[in-house]
Amino acid sequence: MSTYFVYLLASKPYGTLYIGVTNGLIRRIDEHRAGTASKFTAKYKAHHLVWYREFADVEEAIQREKTMKEWPRQWKINEIERENPHWLDLYPSLPGVRSITPH
């Protein structure tokens, strides 16, 4: 059974927002951070994972992404702040993300 994610990236708190959908959240965020996933996120440096939701059904995930893209900006901000009021980058807390430790 596959898992799909709808996610929101931000350049900074209340900055530029990007909405995407993927079946590999860690891989996709790594691609955004490397500048290879999207010209938009590379241009606006929207690399902070500030919200995500997990789905078991790909069609449901795609529909949620499309719906959210139609939402007014303030609705997206409200969605982020309901679960992440301080706009923390959630990427380091994802299960399976390797922490980078200084040598």
PDB file of N, CA and C in Angstrom:
ATOM      1  N   MET A   1       0.843  -1.187   0.000  1.00  0.00           N
ATOM      2  CA  MET A   1       0.000   0.000   0.000  1.00  0.00           C
ATOM      3  C   MET A   1       0.885   1.247   0.000  1.00  0.00           C
ATOM      4  N   SER A   2       0.642   2.119  -0.932  1.00  0.00           N
ATOM      5  CA  SER A   2       1.439   3.338  -1.056  1.00  0.00           C
ATOM      6  C   SER A   2       0.873   4.457  -0.195  1.00  0.00           C
ATOM      7  N   THR A   3       1.738   5.385   0.112  1.00  0.00           N
ATOM      8  CA  THR A   3       1.366   6.577   0.861  1.00  0.00           C
ATOM      9  C   THR A   3       1.686   7.784   0.011  1.00  0.00           C
ATOM     10  N   TYR A   4       0.815   8.771   0.049  1.00  0.00           N
ATOM     11  CA  TYR A   4       0.981  10.005  -0.719  1.00  0.00           C
ATOM     12  C   TYR A   4       0.900  11.181   0.230  1.00  0.00           C
ATOM     13  N   PHE A   5       1.556  12.252  -0.142  1.00  0.00           N
ATOM     14  CA  PHE A   5       1.599  13.433   0.710  1.00  0.00           C
ATOM     15  C   PHE A   5       1.268  14.685  -0.089  1.00  0.00           C
ATOM     16  N   VAL A   6       0.485  15.554   0.504  1.00  0.00           N
ATOM     17  CA  VAL A   6       0.315  16.917   0.022  1.00  0.00           C
ATOM     18  C   VAL A   6       1.118  17.758   1.005  1.00  0.00           C
ATOM     19  N   TYR A   7       1.896  18.697   0.483  1.00  0.00           N
ATOM     20  CA  TYR A   7       2.785  19.453   1.368  1.00  0.00           C
ATOM     21  C   TYR A   7       2.831  20.923   0.970  1.00  0.00           C
ATOM     22  N   LEU A   8       3.175  21.732   1.947  1.00  0.00           N
ATOM     23  CA  LEU A   8       3.361  23.171   1.737  1.00  0.00           C
ATOM     24  C   LEU A   8       4.785  23.535   2.120  1.00  0.00           C
ATOM     25  N   LEU A   9       5.458  24.217   1.210  1.00  0.00           N
ATOM     26  CA  LEU A   9       6.786  24.762   1.475  1.00  0.00           C
ATOM     27  C   LEU A   9       6.664  26.272   1.579  1.00  0.00           C
ATOM     28  N   ALA A  10       7.537  26.871   2.368  1.00  0.00           N
ATOM     29  CA  ALA A  10       7.560  28.326   2.503  1.00  0.00           C
ATOM     30  C   ALA A  10       8.999  28.814   2.424  1.00  0.00           C
ATOM     31  N   SER A  11       9.169  30.029   1.896  1.00  0.00           N
ATOM     32  CA  SER A  11      10.502  30.624   1.835  1.00  0.00           C
ATOM     33  C   SER A  11      10.913  31.136   3.214  1.00  0.00           C
ATOM     34  N   LYS A  12       9.923  31.542   4.002  1.00  0.00           N
ATOM     35  CA  LYS A  12      10.096  32.051   5.371  1.00  0.00           C
ATOM     36  C   LYS A  12       8.694  32.185   5.937  1.00  0.00           C
ATOM     37  N   PRO A  13       8.531  32.457   7.239  1.00  0.00           N
ATOM     38  CA  PRO A  13       7.179  32.670   7.753  1.00  0.00           C
ATOM     39  C   PRO A  13       6.470  33.774   6.962  1.00  0.00           C
ATOM     40  N   TYR A  14       5.287  33.469   6.489  1.00  0.00           N
ATOM     41  CA  TYR A  14       4.444  34.380   5.697  1.00  0.00           C
ATOM     42  C   TYR A  14       5.080  34.751   4.360  1.00  0.00           C
ATOM     43  N   GLY A  15       6.062  33.976   3.931  1.00  0.00           N
ATOM     44  CA  GLY A  15       6.725  34.252   2.657  1.00  0.00           C
ATOM     45  C   GLY A  15       6.021  33.552   1.502  1.00  0.00           C
ATOM     46  N   THR A  16       6.780  33.272   0.469  1.00  0.00           N
ATOM     47  CA  THR A  16       6.267  32.598  -0.716  1.00  0.00           C
ATOM     48  C   THR A  16       5.901  31.161  -0.353  1.00  0.00           C
ATOM     49  N   LEU A  17       4.725  30.711  -0.814  1.00  0.00           N
ATOM     50  CA  LEU A  17       4.241  29.367  -0.532  1.00  0.00           C
ATOM     51  C   LEU A  17       4.216  28.531  -1.802  1.00  0.00           C
ATOM     52  N   TYR A  18       4.439  27.226  -1.628  1.00  0.00           N
ATOM     53  CA  TYR A  18       4.391  26.275  -2.727  1.00  0.00           C
ATOM     54  C   TYR A  18       3.639  25.046  -2.239  1.00  0.00           C
ATOM     55  N   ILE A  19       2.725  24.543  -3.048  1.00  0.00           N
ATOM     56  CA  ILE A  19       1.962  23.341  -2.709  1.00  0.00           C
ATOM     57  C   ILE A  19       2.341  22.249  -3.695  1.00  0.00           C
ATOM     58  N   GLY A  20       2.594  21.051  -3.169  1.00  0.00           N
ATOM     59  CA  GLY A  20       2.929  19.931  -4.027  1.00  0.00           C
ATOM     60  C   GLY A  20       2.331  18.637  -3.521  1.00  0.00           C
ATOM     61  N   VAL A  21       2.447  17.591  -4.336  1.00  0.00           N
ATOM     62  CA  VAL A  21       1.995  16.252  -3.972  1.00  0.00           C
ATOM     63  C   VAL A  21       3.087  15.270  -4.388  1.00  0.00           C
ATOM     64  N   THR A  22       3.298  14.238  -3.586  1.00  0.00           N
ATOM     65  CA  THR A  22       4.364  13.275  -3.861  1.00  0.00           C
ATOM     66  C   THR A  22       4.066  11.952  -3.172  1.00  0.00           C
ATOM     67  N   ASN A  23       4.735  10.900  -3.633  1.00  0.00           N
ATOM     68  CA  ASN A  23       4.661   9.616  -2.934  1.00  0.00           C
ATOM     69  C   ASN A  23       5.940   9.356  -2.136  1.00  0.00           C
ATOM     70  N   GLY A  24       6.860  10.324  -2.129  1.00  0.00           N
ATOM     71  CA  GLY A  24       8.104  10.201  -1.371  1.00  0.00           C
ATOM     72  C   GLY A  24       8.469  11.558  -0.792  1.00  0.00           C
ATOM     73  N   LEU A  25       7.968  11.860   0.387  1.00  0.00           N
ATOM     74  CA  LEU A  25       8.110  13.211   0.942  1.00  0.00           C
ATOM     75  C   LEU A  25       9.570  13.604   1.181  1.00  0.00           C
ATOM     76  N   ILE A  26      10.343  12.750   1.795  1.00  0.00           N
ATOM     77  CA  ILE A  26      11.747  13.085   2.082  1.00  0.00           C
ATOM     78  C   ILE A  26      12.518  13.305   0.782  1.00  0.00           C
ATOM     79  N   ARG A  27      12.368  12.378  -0.159  1.00  0.00           N
ATOM     80  CA  ARG A  27      13.046  12.515  -1.459  1.00  0.00           C
ATOM     81  C   ARG A  27      12.660  13.820  -2.142  1.00  0.00           C
ATOM     82  N   ARG A  28      11.373  14.127  -2.139  1.00  0.00           N
ATOM     83  CA  ARG A  28      10.903  15.319  -2.848  1.00  0.00           C
ATOM     84  C   ARG A  28      11.414  16.596  -2.189  1.00  0.00           C
ATOM     85  N   ILE A  29      11.430  16.643  -0.867  1.00  0.00           N
ATOM     86  CA  ILE A  29      11.941  17.838  -0.187  1.00  0.00           C
ATOM     87  C   ILE A  29      13.439  17.968  -0.453  1.00  0.00           C
ATOM     88  N   ASP A  30      14.145  16.852  -0.456  1.00  0.00           N
ATOM     89  CA  ASP A  30      15.575  16.881  -0.805  1.00  0.00           C
ATOM     90  C   ASP A  30      15.770  17.479  -2.199  1.00  0.00           C
ATOM     91  N   GLU A  31      14.909  17.089  -3.147  1.00  0.00           N
ATOM     92  CA  GLU A  31      15.001  17.624  -4.508  1.00  0.00           C
ATOM     93  C   GLU A  31      14.723  19.131  -4.536  1.00  0.00           C
ATOM     94  N   HIS A  32      13.721  19.557  -3.777  1.00  0.00           N
ATOM     95  CA  HIS A  32      13.440  20.999  -3.707  1.00  0.00           C
ATOM     96  C   HIS A  32      14.650  21.742  -3.147  1.00  0.00           C
ATOM     97  N   ARG A  33      15.222  21.214  -2.097  1.00  0.00           N
ATOM     98  CA  ARG A  33      16.369  21.875  -1.456  1.00  0.00           C
ATOM     99  C   ARG A  33      17.596  21.897  -2.356  1.00  0.00           C
ATOM    100  N   ALA A  34      17.717  20.904  -3.220  1.00  0.00           N
ATOM    101  CA  ALA A  34      18.841  20.852  -4.162  1.00  0.00           C
ATOM    102  C   ALA A  34      18.586  21.726  -5.386  1.00  0.00           C
ATOM    103  N   GLY A  35      17.355  22.226  -5.522  1.00  0.00           N
ATOM    104  CA  GLY A  35      17.014  23.079  -6.653  1.00  0.00           C
ATOM    105  C   GLY A  35      16.655  22.323  -7.912  1.00  0.00           C
ATOM    106  N   THR A  36      16.376  21.012  -7.790  1.00  0.00           N
ATOM    107  CA  THR A  36      16.089  20.197  -8.970  1.00  0.00           C
ATOM    108  C   THR A  36      14.618  19.828  -9.125  1.00  0.00           C
ATOM    109  N   ALA A  37      13.784  20.138  -8.140  1.00  0.00           N
ATOM    110  CA  ALA A  37      12.384  19.703  -8.184  1.00  0.00           C
ATOM    111  C   ALA A  37      11.486  20.681  -8.921  1.00  0.00           C
ATOM    112  N   SER A  38      11.754  21.961  -8.773  1.00  0.00           N
ATOM    113  CA  SER A  38      10.844  22.969  -9.305  1.00  0.00           C
ATOM    114  C   SER A  38      11.599  24.271  -9.524  1.00  0.00           C
ATOM    115  N   LYS A  39      11.418  24.860 -10.678  1.00  0.00           N
ATOM    116  CA  LYS A  39      12.031  26.162 -10.926  1.00  0.00           C
ATOM    117  C   LYS A  39      11.464  27.208  -9.981  1.00  0.00           C
ATOM    118  N   PHE A  40      10.182  27.067  -9.649  1.00  0.00           N
ATOM    119  CA  PHE A  40       9.524  28.019  -8.761  1.00  0.00           C
ATOM    120  C   PHE A  40      10.172  28.005  -7.373  1.00  0.00           C
ATOM    121  N   THR A  41      10.313  26.804  -6.779  1.00  0.00           N
ATOM    122  CA  THR A  41      10.892  26.747  -5.433  1.00  0.00           C
ATOM    123  C   THR A  41      12.364  27.135  -5.449  1.00  0.00           C
ATOM    124  N   ALA A  42      13.049  26.851  -6.536  1.00  0.00           N
ATOM    125  CA  ALA A  42      14.452  27.271  -6.644  1.00  0.00           C
ATOM    126  C   ALA A  42      14.538  28.793  -6.711  1.00  0.00           C
ATOM    127  N   LYS A  43      13.693  29.406  -7.518  1.00  0.00           N
ATOM    128  CA  LYS A  43      13.715  30.865  -7.681  1.00  0.00           C
ATOM    129  C   LYS A  43      13.374  31.589  -6.387  1.00  0.00           C
ATOM    130  N   TYR A  44      12.337  31.112  -5.684  1.00  0.00           N
ATOM    131  CA  TYR A  44      11.863  31.810  -4.487  1.00  0.00           C
ATOM    132  C   TYR A  44      12.406  31.224  -3.188  1.00  0.00           C
ATOM    133  N   LYS A  45      13.277  30.222  -3.301  1.00  0.00           N
ATOM    134  CA  LYS A  45      13.894  29.588  -2.130  1.00  0.00           C
ATOM    135  C   LYS A  45      12.851  29.109  -1.117  1.00  0.00           C
ATOM    136  N   ALA A  46      11.790  28.518  -1.638  1.00  0.00           N
ATOM    137  CA  ALA A  46      10.744  27.936  -0.788  1.00  0.00           C
ATOM    138  C   ALA A  46      11.158  26.505  -0.457  1.00  0.00           C
ATOM    139  N   HIS A  47      11.935  26.357   0.597  1.00  0.00           N
ATOM    140  CA  HIS A  47      12.515  25.066   0.947  1.00  0.00           C
ATOM    141  C   HIS A  47      12.127  24.568   2.330  1.00  0.00           C
ATOM    142  N   HIS A  48      11.351  25.355   3.076  1.00  0.00           N
ATOM    143  CA  HIS A  48      10.974  24.975   4.443  1.00  0.00           C
ATOM    144  C   HIS A  48       9.640  24.239   4.414  1.00  0.00           C
ATOM    145  N   LEU A  49       9.638  22.994   4.858  1.00  0.00           N
ATOM    146  CA  LEU A  49       8.410  22.206   4.938  1.00  0.00           C
ATOM    147  C   LEU A  49       7.620  22.688   6.151  1.00  0.00           C
ATOM    148  N   VAL A  50       6.501  23.362   5.915  1.00  0.00           N
ATOM    149  CA  VAL A  50       5.743  23.945   7.027  1.00  0.00           C
ATOM    150  C   VAL A  50       4.414  23.235   7.287  1.00  0.00           C
ATOM    151  N   TRP A  51       3.998  22.352   6.363  1.00  0.00           N
ATOM    152  CA  TRP A  51       2.747  21.613   6.548  1.00  0.00           C
ATOM    153  C   TRP A  51       2.748  20.431   5.600  1.00  0.00           C
ATOM    154  N   TYR A  52       2.187  19.317   6.052  1.00  0.00           N
ATOM    155  CA  TYR A  52       1.965  18.185   5.152  1.00  0.00           C
ATOM    156  C   TYR A  52       0.843  17.326   5.698  1.00  0.00           C
ATOM    157  N   ARG A  53       0.227  16.582   4.786  1.00  0.00           N
ATOM    158  CA  ARG A  53      -0.851  15.663   5.145  1.00  0.00           C
ATOM    159  C   ARG A  53      -0.640  14.380   4.364  1.00  0.00           C
ATOM    160  N   GLU A  54      -0.893  13.267   5.015  1.00  0.00           N
ATOM    161  CA  GLU A  54      -0.694  11.949   4.430  1.00  0.00           C
ATOM    162  C   GLU A  54      -2.019  11.399   3.901  1.00  0.00           C
ATOM    163  N   PHE A  55      -1.959  10.720   2.763  1.00  0.00           N
ATOM    164  CA  PHE A  55      -3.139  10.114   2.147  1.00  0.00           C
ATOM    165  C   PHE A  55      -2.808   8.697   1.698  1.00  0.00           C
ATOM    166  N   ALA A  56      -3.786   7.814   1.790  1.00  0.00           N
ATOM    167  CA  ALA A  56      -3.608   6.445   1.299  1.00  0.00           C
ATOM    168  C   ALA A  56      -4.000   6.338  -0.171  1.00  0.00           C
ATOM    169  N   ASP A  57      -4.817   7.272  -0.650  1.00  0.00           N
ATOM    170  CA  ASP A  57      -5.334   7.229  -2.015  1.00  0.00           C
ATOM    171  C   ASP A  57      -4.737   8.360  -2.842  1.00  0.00           C
ATOM    172  N   VAL A  58      -4.095   8.024  -3.964  1.00  0.00           N
ATOM    173  CA  VAL A  58      -3.426   9.016  -4.798  1.00  0.00           C
ATOM    174  C   VAL A  58      -4.422  10.038  -5.344  1.00  0.00           C
ATOM    175  N   GLU A  59      -5.597   9.587  -5.746  1.00  0.00           N
ATOM    176  CA  GLU A  59      -6.582  10.518  -6.302  1.00  0.00           C
ATOM    177  C   GLU A  59      -7.068  11.520  -5.262  1.00  0.00           C
ATOM    178  N   GLU A  60      -7.211  11.057  -4.033  1.00  0.00           N
ATOM    179  CA  GLU A  60      -7.605  11.962  -2.946  1.00  0.00           C
ATOM    180  C   GLU A  60      -6.508  12.999  -2.689  1.00  0.00           C
ATOM    181  N   ALA A  61      -5.262  12.559  -2.722  1.00  0.00           N
ATOM    182  CA  ALA A  61      -4.137  13.481  -2.513  1.00  0.00           C
ATOM    183  C   ALA A  61      -4.071  14.526  -3.630  1.00  0.00           C
ATOM    184  N   ILE A  62      -4.211  14.092  -4.864  1.00  0.00           N
ATOM    185  CA  ILE A  62      -4.159  15.025  -5.999  1.00  0.00           C
ATOM    186  C   ILE A  62      -5.315  16.018  -5.921  1.00  0.00           C
ATOM    187  N   GLN A  63      -6.500  15.526  -5.554  1.00  0.00           N
ATOM    188  CA  GLN A  63      -7.644  16.432  -5.437  1.00  0.00           C
ATOM    189  C   GLN A  63      -7.420  17.461  -4.333  1.00  0.00           C
ATOM    190  N   ARG A  64      -6.835  17.025  -3.220  1.00  0.00           N
ATOM    191  CA  ARG A  64      -6.562  17.971  -2.123  1.00  0.00           C
ATOM    192  C   ARG A  64      -5.568  19.034  -2.572  1.00  0.00           C
ATOM    193  N   GLU A  65      -4.530  18.629  -3.289  1.00  0.00           N
ATOM    194  CA  GLU A  65      -3.554  19.593  -3.798  1.00  0.00           C
ATOM    195  C   GLU A  65      -4.242  20.607  -4.712  1.00  0.00           C
ATOM    196  N   LYS A  66      -5.047  20.130  -5.641  1.00  0.00           N
ATOM    197  CA  LYS A  66      -5.740  21.030  -6.568  1.00  0.00           C
ATOM    198  C   LYS A  66      -6.667  21.987  -5.828  1.00  0.00           C
ATOM    199  N   THR A  67      -7.389  21.464  -4.857  1.00  0.00           N
ATOM    200  CA  THR A  67      -8.304  22.298  -4.072  1.00  0.00           C
ATOM    201  C   THR A  67      -7.541  23.369  -3.306  1.00  0.00           C
ATOM    202  N   MET A  68      -6.450  22.974  -2.662  1.00  0.00           N
ATOM    203  CA  MET A  68      -5.667  23.935  -1.879  1.00  0.00           C
ATOM    204  C   MET A  68      -5.065  25.022  -2.764  1.00  0.00           C
ATOM    205  N   LYS A  69      -4.695  24.668  -3.976  1.00  0.00           N
ATOM    206  CA  LYS A  69      -4.135  25.674  -4.886  1.00  0.00           C
ATOM    207  C   LYS A  69      -5.157  26.744  -5.236  1.00  0.00           C
ATOM    208  N   GLU A  70      -6.427  26.418  -5.131  1.00  0.00           N
ATOM    209  CA  GLU A  70      -7.486  27.385  -5.409  1.00  0.00           C
ATOM    210  C   GLU A  70      -7.838  28.231  -4.185  1.00  0.00           C
ATOM    211  N   TRP A  71      -7.408  27.808  -3.011  1.00  0.00           N
ATOM    212  CA  TRP A  71      -7.724  28.543  -1.788  1.00  0.00           C
ATOM    213  C   TRP A  71      -7.072  29.920  -1.801  1.00  0.00           C
ATOM    214  N   PRO A  72      -7.727  30.909  -1.174  1.00  0.00           N
ATOM    215  CA  PRO A  72      -7.055  32.195  -0.953  1.00  0.00           C
ATOM    216  C   PRO A  72      -5.816  31.992  -0.072  1.00  0.00           C
ATOM    217  N   ARG A  73      -4.857  32.843  -0.238  1.00  0.00           N
ATOM    218  CA  ARG A  73      -3.600  32.748   0.520  1.00  0.00           C
ATOM    219  C   ARG A  73      -3.847  32.647   2.026  1.00  0.00           C
ATOM    220  N   GLN A  74      -4.770  33.441   2.557  1.00  0.00           N
ATOM    221  CA  GLN A  74      -5.010  33.435   4.006  1.00  0.00           C
ATOM    222  C   GLN A  74      -5.500  32.074   4.496  1.00  0.00           C
ATOM    223  N   TRP A  75      -6.264  31.356   3.697  1.00  0.00           N
ATOM    224  CA  TRP A  75      -6.710  30.017   4.087  1.00  0.00           C
ATOM    225  C   TRP A  75      -5.515  29.080   4.225  1.00  0.00           C
ATOM    226  N   LYS A  76      -4.545  29.211   3.311  1.00  0.00           N
ATOM    227  CA  LYS A  76      -3.339  28.373   3.380  1.00  0.00           C
ATOM    228  C   LYS A  76      -2.552  28.709   4.649  1.00  0.00           C
ATOM    229  N   ILE A  77      -2.433  29.988   4.935  1.00  0.00           N
ATOM    230  CA  ILE A  77      -1.734  30.413   6.151  1.00  0.00           C
ATOM    231  C   ILE A  77      -2.446  29.862   7.387  1.00  0.00           C
ATOM    232  N   ASN A  78      -3.774  29.937   7.392  1.00  0.00           N
ATOM    233  CA  ASN A  78      -4.540  29.399   8.524  1.00  0.00           C
ATOM    234  C   ASN A  78      -4.313  27.898   8.682  1.00  0.00           C
ATOM    235  N   GLU A  79      -4.248  27.177   7.572  1.00  0.00           N
ATOM    236  CA  GLU A  79      -4.009  25.731   7.614  1.00  0.00           C
ATOM    237  C   GLU A  79      -2.636  25.436   8.224  1.00  0.00           C
ATOM    238  N   ILE A  80      -1.638  26.190   7.824  1.00  0.00           N
ATOM    239  CA  ILE A  80      -0.293  26.030   8.392  1.00  0.00           C
ATOM    240  C   ILE A  80      -0.317  26.316   9.889  1.00  0.00           C
ATOM    241  N   GLU A  81      -0.890  27.441  10.261  1.00  0.00           N
ATOM    242  CA  GLU A  81      -0.811  27.884  11.657  1.00  0.00           C
ATOM    243  C   GLU A  81      -1.657  27.056  12.617  1.00  0.00           C
ATOM    244  N   ARG A  82      -2.646  26.326  12.110  1.00  0.00           N
ATOM    245  CA  ARG A  82      -3.413  25.426  12.975  1.00  0.00           C
ATOM    246  C   ARG A  82      -2.507  24.344  13.565  1.00  0.00           C
ATOM    247  N   GLU A  83      -1.572  23.862  12.752  1.00  0.00           N
ATOM    248  CA  GLU A  83      -0.708  22.766  13.194  1.00  0.00           C
ATOM    249  C   GLU A  83       0.731  23.192  13.453  1.00  0.00           C
ATOM    250  N   ASN A  84       1.143  24.306  12.905  1.00  0.00           N
ATOM    251  CA  ASN A  84       2.537  24.738  12.997  1.00  0.00           C
ATOM    252  C   ASN A  84       2.570  26.262  13.203  1.00  0.00           C
ATOM    253  N   PRO A  85       2.103  26.726  14.364  1.00  0.00           N
ATOM    254  CA  PRO A  85       1.945  28.171  14.576  1.00  0.00           C
ATOM    255  C   PRO A  85       3.236  28.977  14.504  1.00  0.00           C
ATOM    256  N   HIS A  86       4.375  28.333  14.693  1.00  0.00           N
ATOM    257  CA  HIS A  86       5.658  29.052  14.662  1.00  0.00           C
ATOM    258  C   HIS A  86       6.391  28.879  13.330  1.00  0.00           C
ATOM    259  N   TRP A  87       5.720  28.272  12.377  1.00  0.00           N
ATOM    260  CA  TRP A  87       6.280  28.075  11.036  1.00  0.00           C
ATOM    261  C   TRP A  87       7.628  27.353  11.086  1.00  0.00           C
ATOM    262  N   LEU A  88       7.744  26.355  11.956  1.00  0.00           N
ATOM    263  CA  LEU A  88       8.980  25.574  12.046  1.00  0.00           C
ATOM    264  C   LEU A  88       9.153  24.740  10.791  1.00  0.00           C
ATOM    265  N   ASP A  89      10.386  24.495  10.412  1.00  0.00           N
ATOM    266  CA  ASP A  89      10.685  23.593   9.300  1.00  0.00           C
ATOM    267  C   ASP A  89      10.503  22.170   9.824  1.00  0.00           C
ATOM    268  N   LEU A  90       9.509  21.467   9.320  1.00  0.00           N
ATOM    269  CA  LEU A  90       9.169  20.129   9.800  1.00  0.00           C
ATOM    270  C   LEU A  90      10.061  19.042   9.209  1.00  0.00           C
ATOM    271  N   TYR A  91      10.813  19.377   8.191  1.00  0.00           N
ATOM    272  CA  TYR A  91      11.645  18.384   7.512  1.00  0.00           C
ATOM    273  C   TYR A  91      12.570  17.617   8.467  1.00  0.00           C
ATOM    274  N   PRO A  92      13.326  18.289   9.341  1.00  0.00           N
ATOM    275  CA  PRO A  92      14.241  17.535  10.218  1.00  0.00           C
ATOM    276  C   PRO A  92      13.529  16.545  11.147  1.00  0.00           C
ATOM    277  N   SER A  93      12.242  16.747  11.396  1.00  0.00           N
ATOM    278  CA  SER A  93      11.520  15.862  12.313  1.00  0.00           C
ATOM    279  C   SER A  93      10.842  14.688  11.608  1.00  0.00           C
ATOM    280  N   LEU A  94      10.951  14.606  10.281  1.00  0.00           N
ATOM    281  CA  LEU A  94      10.330  13.493   9.556  1.00  0.00           C
ATOM    282  C   LEU A  94      11.048  12.186   9.876  1.00  0.00           C
ATOM    283  N   PRO A  95      10.278  11.122  10.119  1.00  0.00           N
ATOM    284  CA  PRO A  95      10.927   9.819  10.363  1.00  0.00           C
ATOM    285  C   PRO A  95      11.756   9.401   9.152  1.00  0.00           C
ATOM    286  N   GLY A  96      13.001   9.073   9.383  1.00  0.00           N
ATOM    287  CA  GLY A  96      13.873   8.637   8.295  1.00  0.00           C
ATOM    288  C   GLY A  96      14.821   9.695   7.776  1.00  0.00           C
ATOM    289  N   VAL A  97      14.665  10.943   8.226  1.00  0.00           N
ATOM    290  CA  VAL A  97      15.592  12.004   7.796  1.00  0.00           C
ATOM    291  C   VAL A  97      16.867  11.860   8.619  1.00  0.00           C
ATOM    292  N   ARG A  98      17.970  11.779   7.915  1.00  0.00           N
ATOM    293  CA  ARG A  98      19.264  11.681   8.612  1.00  0.00           C
ATOM    294  C   ARG A  98      19.691  13.048   9.089  1.00  0.00           C
ATOM    295  N   SER A  99      20.015  13.126  10.346  1.00  0.00           N
ATOM    296  CA  SER A  99      20.502  14.409  10.859  1.00  0.00           C
ATOM    297  C   SER A  99      21.965  14.567  10.460  1.00  0.00           C
ATOM    298  N   ILE A 100      22.318  15.784  10.181  1.00  0.00           N
ATOM    299  CA  ILE A 100      23.704  16.084   9.803  1.00  0.00           C
ATOM    300  C   ILE A 100      24.437  16.493  11.075  1.00  0.00           C
ATOM    301  N   THR A 101      25.426  15.733  11.421  1.00  0.00           N
ATOM    302  CA  THR A 101      26.189  16.046  12.631  1.00  0.00           C
ATOM    303  C   THR A 101      27.572  16.528  12.224  1.00  0.00           C
ATOM    304  N   PRO A 102      28.066  17.568  12.890  1.00  0.00           N
ATOM    305  CA  PRO A 102      29.408  18.058  12.575  1.00  0.00           C
ATOM    306  C   PRO A 102      30.471  17.039  12.968  1.00  0.00           C
ATOM    307  N   HIS A 103      31.533  16.992  12.192  1.00  0.00           N
ATOM    308  CA  HIS A 103      32.626  16.042  12.472  1.00  0.00           C
ATOM    309  C   HIS A 103      33.579  16.622  13.486  1.00  0.00           C
TER     310      HIS A 103
END
